[in-house]
Amino acid sequence: MWLIFLMKFNAFFSTDKIIDETNEKVKDLIKSINSNAARSIELIDDRIKQLKSVSAEAERRIGVLKRELSLAEKSKSFQKKINSVTSLKNSDIQGDLFFTEKARTELGIKPSSPPSGEVELRKIPVVEPELFMAENPIVPEKDFKTKVRELRALGIPADEIARKTGRSIQEVKLVIEIL
């Protein structure tokens, strides 16, 4: 009987059993930590992709703004040309192109070299306007929900939609659930 008691006592308080239980708990903790770390890494990767896409969009907009600034500078120089032309005497620019002798006498202008009854052509400075067109016009982007709706209607899975829109899978799934 003493022998049975000793065997049960050893089995109950065995260090091997305690070590095995501790190992199992440690393995469970490591699995939990690994899954949390993998999820965190996935979220960080999604944010990095979003930052890269935002950065690329910002670079594109900066390029568009630089082109717009150069066009504005050209427009200012064109406006200066127009102002310099309009600053000439009004008689050189304004009025009818054709003056008859009758109109000259009514206005009190002395007759000039052309014989009476003939028409005189006045020279008016001609300014050719420069046309400015944007090379790549800015097209407004669709909002995120609309993009997700359209891509989902095409039967594209959530992970592919996340890749195409540059957002996280969780955000795409949330929008799909709302739909």
Protein backbone atom coordinates (compact mmCIF):
# COMPACT_ATOMS: atom_id res chain seq x y z
CA MET A 1 0.00 0.00 0.00
CA TRP A 2 2.85 2.27 0.85
CA LEU A 3 4.31 1.54 -2.53
CA ILE A 4 1.07 2.50 -4.33
CA PHE A 5 0.89 5.72 -2.34
CA LEU A 6 4.47 6.58 -3.29
CA MET A 7 3.83 5.92 -7.00
CA LYS A 8 0.70 8.08 -7.02
CA PHE A 9 2.48 10.81 -5.10
CA ASN A 10 5.37 10.79 -7.61
CA ALA A 11 2.97 10.80 -10.55
CA PHE A 12 0.94 13.67 -9.10
CA PHE A 13 3.91 15.87 -8.17
CA SER A 14 6.22 14.82 -10.99
CA THR A 15 8.47 17.54 -12.44
CA ASP A 16 8.06 16.08 -15.91
CA LYS A 17 4.35 16.75 -15.85
CA ILE A 18 4.86 20.32 -14.63
CA ILE A 19 7.48 20.93 -17.31
CA ASP A 20 5.18 19.54 -20.04
CA GLU A 21 2.28 21.75 -18.91
CA THR A 22 4.57 24.78 -18.81
CA ASN A 23 5.87 23.98 -22.30
CA GLU A 24 2.31 23.79 -23.66
CA LYS A 25 1.39 27.14 -22.13
CA VAL A 26 4.56 28.74 -23.50
CA LYS A 27 3.80 27.34 -26.97
CA ASP A 28 0.27 28.79 -26.80
CA LEU A 29 1.66 32.18 -25.79
CA ILE A 30 4.21 32.12 -28.63
CA LYS A 31 1.48 31.24 -31.16
CA SER A 32 -0.65 34.12 -29.88
CA ILE A 33 2.28 36.54 -30.04
CA ASN A 34 3.16 35.38 -33.57
CA SER A 35 -0.40 35.83 -34.84
CA ASN A 36 -0.60 39.31 -33.28
CA ALA A 37 2.77 40.22 -34.78
CA ALA A 38 1.71 38.95 -38.21
CA ARG A 39 -1.50 40.99 -38.04
CA SER A 40 0.45 44.08 -36.95
CA ILE A 41 2.95 43.62 -39.78
CA GLU A 42 0.08 43.29 -42.26
CA LEU A 43 -1.46 46.53 -40.98
CA ILE A 44 1.90 48.30 -41.18
CA ASP A 45 2.40 47.05 -44.75
CA ASP A 46 -1.06 48.33 -45.67
CA ARG A 47 -0.26 51.74 -44.20
CA ILE A 48 3.07 51.84 -46.05
CA LYS A 49 1.24 51.14 -49.31
CA GLN A 50 -1.23 53.90 -48.53
CA LEU A 51 1.57 56.33 -47.75
CA LYS A 52 3.34 55.46 -51.00
CA SER A 53 0.17 56.01 -53.01
CA VAL A 54 -0.51 59.31 -51.22
CA SER A 55 3.08 60.36 -51.83
CA ALA A 56 2.83 59.50 -55.53
CA GLU A 57 -0.43 61.44 -55.79
CA ALA A 58 1.19 64.42 -54.06
CA GLU A 59 4.13 64.30 -56.48
CA ARG A 60 1.72 64.19 -59.43
CA ARG A 61 -0.21 67.17 -58.09
CA ILE A 62 3.01 69.11 -57.51
CA GLY A 63 3.93 68.49 -61.14
CA VAL A 64 0.52 69.69 -62.27
CA LEU A 65 0.85 72.80 -60.09
CA LYS A 66 4.27 73.56 -61.57
CA ARG A 67 2.82 73.33 -65.07
CA GLU A 68 -0.08 75.55 -64.03
CA LEU A 69 2.36 78.10 -62.58
CA SER A 70 4.32 78.20 -65.81
CA LEU A 71 1.07 78.67 -67.72
CA ALA A 72 0.10 81.48 -65.34
CA GLU A 73 3.46 83.17 -65.96
CA LYS A 74 2.92 82.90 -69.71
CA SER A 75 -0.56 84.32 -69.23
CA LYS A 76 0.88 87.29 -67.31
CA SER A 77 3.38 87.99 -70.06
CA PHE A 78 0.57 87.78 -72.62
CA GLN A 79 -1.49 90.21 -70.50
CA LYS A 80 1.51 92.60 -70.46
CA LYS A 81 1.67 92.41 -74.26
CA ILE A 82 -2.03 93.22 -74.48
CA ASN A 83 -1.66 96.11 -72.03
CA SER A 84 1.25 97.52 -73.99
CA VAL A 85 -0.81 97.40 -77.18
CA THR A 86 -3.85 98.99 -75.54
CA SER A 87 -1.71 101.72 -74.04
CA LEU A 88 -1.20 103.15 -77.56
CA LYS A 89 -3.22 106.19 -78.50
CA ASN A 90 -6.92 105.48 -78.63
CA SER A 91 -7.08 106.94 -82.12
CA ASP A 92 -4.64 104.27 -83.31
CA ILE A 93 -6.74 101.45 -81.92
CA GLN A 94 -10.33 102.49 -81.47
CA GLY A 95 -12.83 103.74 -83.99
CA ASP A 96 -13.97 102.57 -87.38
CA LEU A 97 -11.51 101.02 -89.73
CA PHE A 98 -12.90 102.96 -92.66
CA PHE A 99 -13.32 106.74 -92.66
CA THR A 100 -15.07 108.50 -95.47
CA GLU A 101 -14.49 112.14 -96.25
CA LYS A 102 -17.92 112.94 -94.86
CA ALA A 103 -17.09 111.33 -91.50
CA ARG A 104 -13.83 113.27 -91.33
CA THR A 105 -15.51 116.60 -91.91
CA GLU A 106 -18.17 115.81 -89.29
CA LEU A 107 -15.48 114.95 -86.75
CA GLY A 108 -13.35 117.94 -87.70
CA ILE A 109 -10.46 115.88 -89.02
CA LYS A 110 -8.45 117.55 -91.77
CA PRO A 111 -8.62 115.75 -95.11
CA SER A 112 -5.69 113.50 -95.86
CA SER A 113 -4.05 112.38 -99.11
CA PRO A 114 -6.72 110.00 -100.45
CA PRO A 115 -9.16 111.63 -102.83
CA SER A 116 -12.70 112.26 -101.62
CA GLY A 117 -15.09 109.34 -101.73
CA GLU A 118 -12.34 106.75 -101.37
CA VAL A 119 -11.91 104.73 -98.25
CA GLU A 120 -8.74 104.74 -96.17
CA LEU A 121 -7.65 101.66 -94.28
CA ARG A 122 -6.17 102.33 -90.88
CA LYS A 123 -3.46 100.04 -89.56
CA ILE A 124 -4.27 98.52 -86.21
CA PRO A 125 -1.75 96.43 -84.33
CA VAL A 126 -2.63 92.75 -84.39
CA VAL A 127 -1.82 90.57 -81.41
CA GLU A 128 -1.91 86.83 -81.82
CA PRO A 129 -3.11 85.22 -78.58
CA GLU A 130 -1.25 82.22 -77.23
CA LEU A 131 -3.46 79.26 -76.42
CA PHE A 132 -2.70 77.31 -73.28
CA MET A 133 -3.92 73.76 -72.83
CA ALA A 134 -3.00 71.41 -70.03
CA GLU A 135 -1.12 68.34 -71.24
CA ASN A 136 -2.77 66.06 -68.72
CA PRO A 137 -5.96 67.58 -67.40
CA ILE A 138 -6.82 66.73 -63.82
CA VAL A 139 -9.54 64.14 -63.65
CA PRO A 140 -11.32 64.01 -60.30
CA GLU A 141 -11.00 60.64 -58.63
CA LYS A 142 -13.99 58.63 -57.52
CA ASP A 143 -14.39 58.28 -53.79
CA PHE A 144 -13.30 55.09 -52.09
CA LYS A 145 -16.80 53.69 -51.51
CA THR A 146 -17.74 54.12 -55.18
CA LYS A 147 -14.56 52.37 -56.31
CA VAL A 148 -15.22 49.46 -53.96
CA ARG A 149 -18.84 49.21 -55.13
CA GLU A 150 -17.82 49.14 -58.80
CA LEU A 151 -15.00 46.62 -58.30
CA ARG A 152 -17.22 44.40 -56.14
CA ALA A 153 -19.92 44.49 -58.86
CA LEU A 154 -17.30 43.11 -61.24
CA GLY A 155 -16.82 40.15 -58.88
CA ILE A 156 -13.33 41.09 -57.70
CA PRO A 157 -12.43 39.68 -54.23
CA ALA A 158 -11.76 41.98 -51.26
CA ASP A 159 -7.98 41.42 -51.16
CA GLU A 160 -7.64 42.37 -54.85
CA ILE A 161 -9.81 45.47 -54.30
CA ALA A 162 -7.53 46.44 -51.39
CA ARG A 163 -4.49 46.13 -53.64
CA LYS A 164 -6.07 48.20 -56.43
CA THR A 165 -7.32 50.97 -54.14
CA GLY A 166 -4.25 51.08 -51.90
CA ARG A 167 -6.30 50.55 -48.75
CA SER A 168 -6.27 47.83 -46.14
CA ILE A 169 -8.34 44.68 -46.47
CA GLN A 170 -10.19 45.56 -43.27
CA GLU A 171 -11.34 48.89 -44.73
CA VAL A 172 -12.53 47.19 -47.93
CA LYS A 173 -14.39 44.53 -45.97
CA LEU A 174 -16.07 47.20 -43.86
CA VAL A 175 -17.29 49.04 -46.97
CA ILE A 176 -18.51 45.77 -48.49
CA GLU A 177 -20.44 44.98 -45.31
CA ILE A 178 -22.12 48.40 -45.43
CA LEU A 179 -23.18 47.79 -49.04
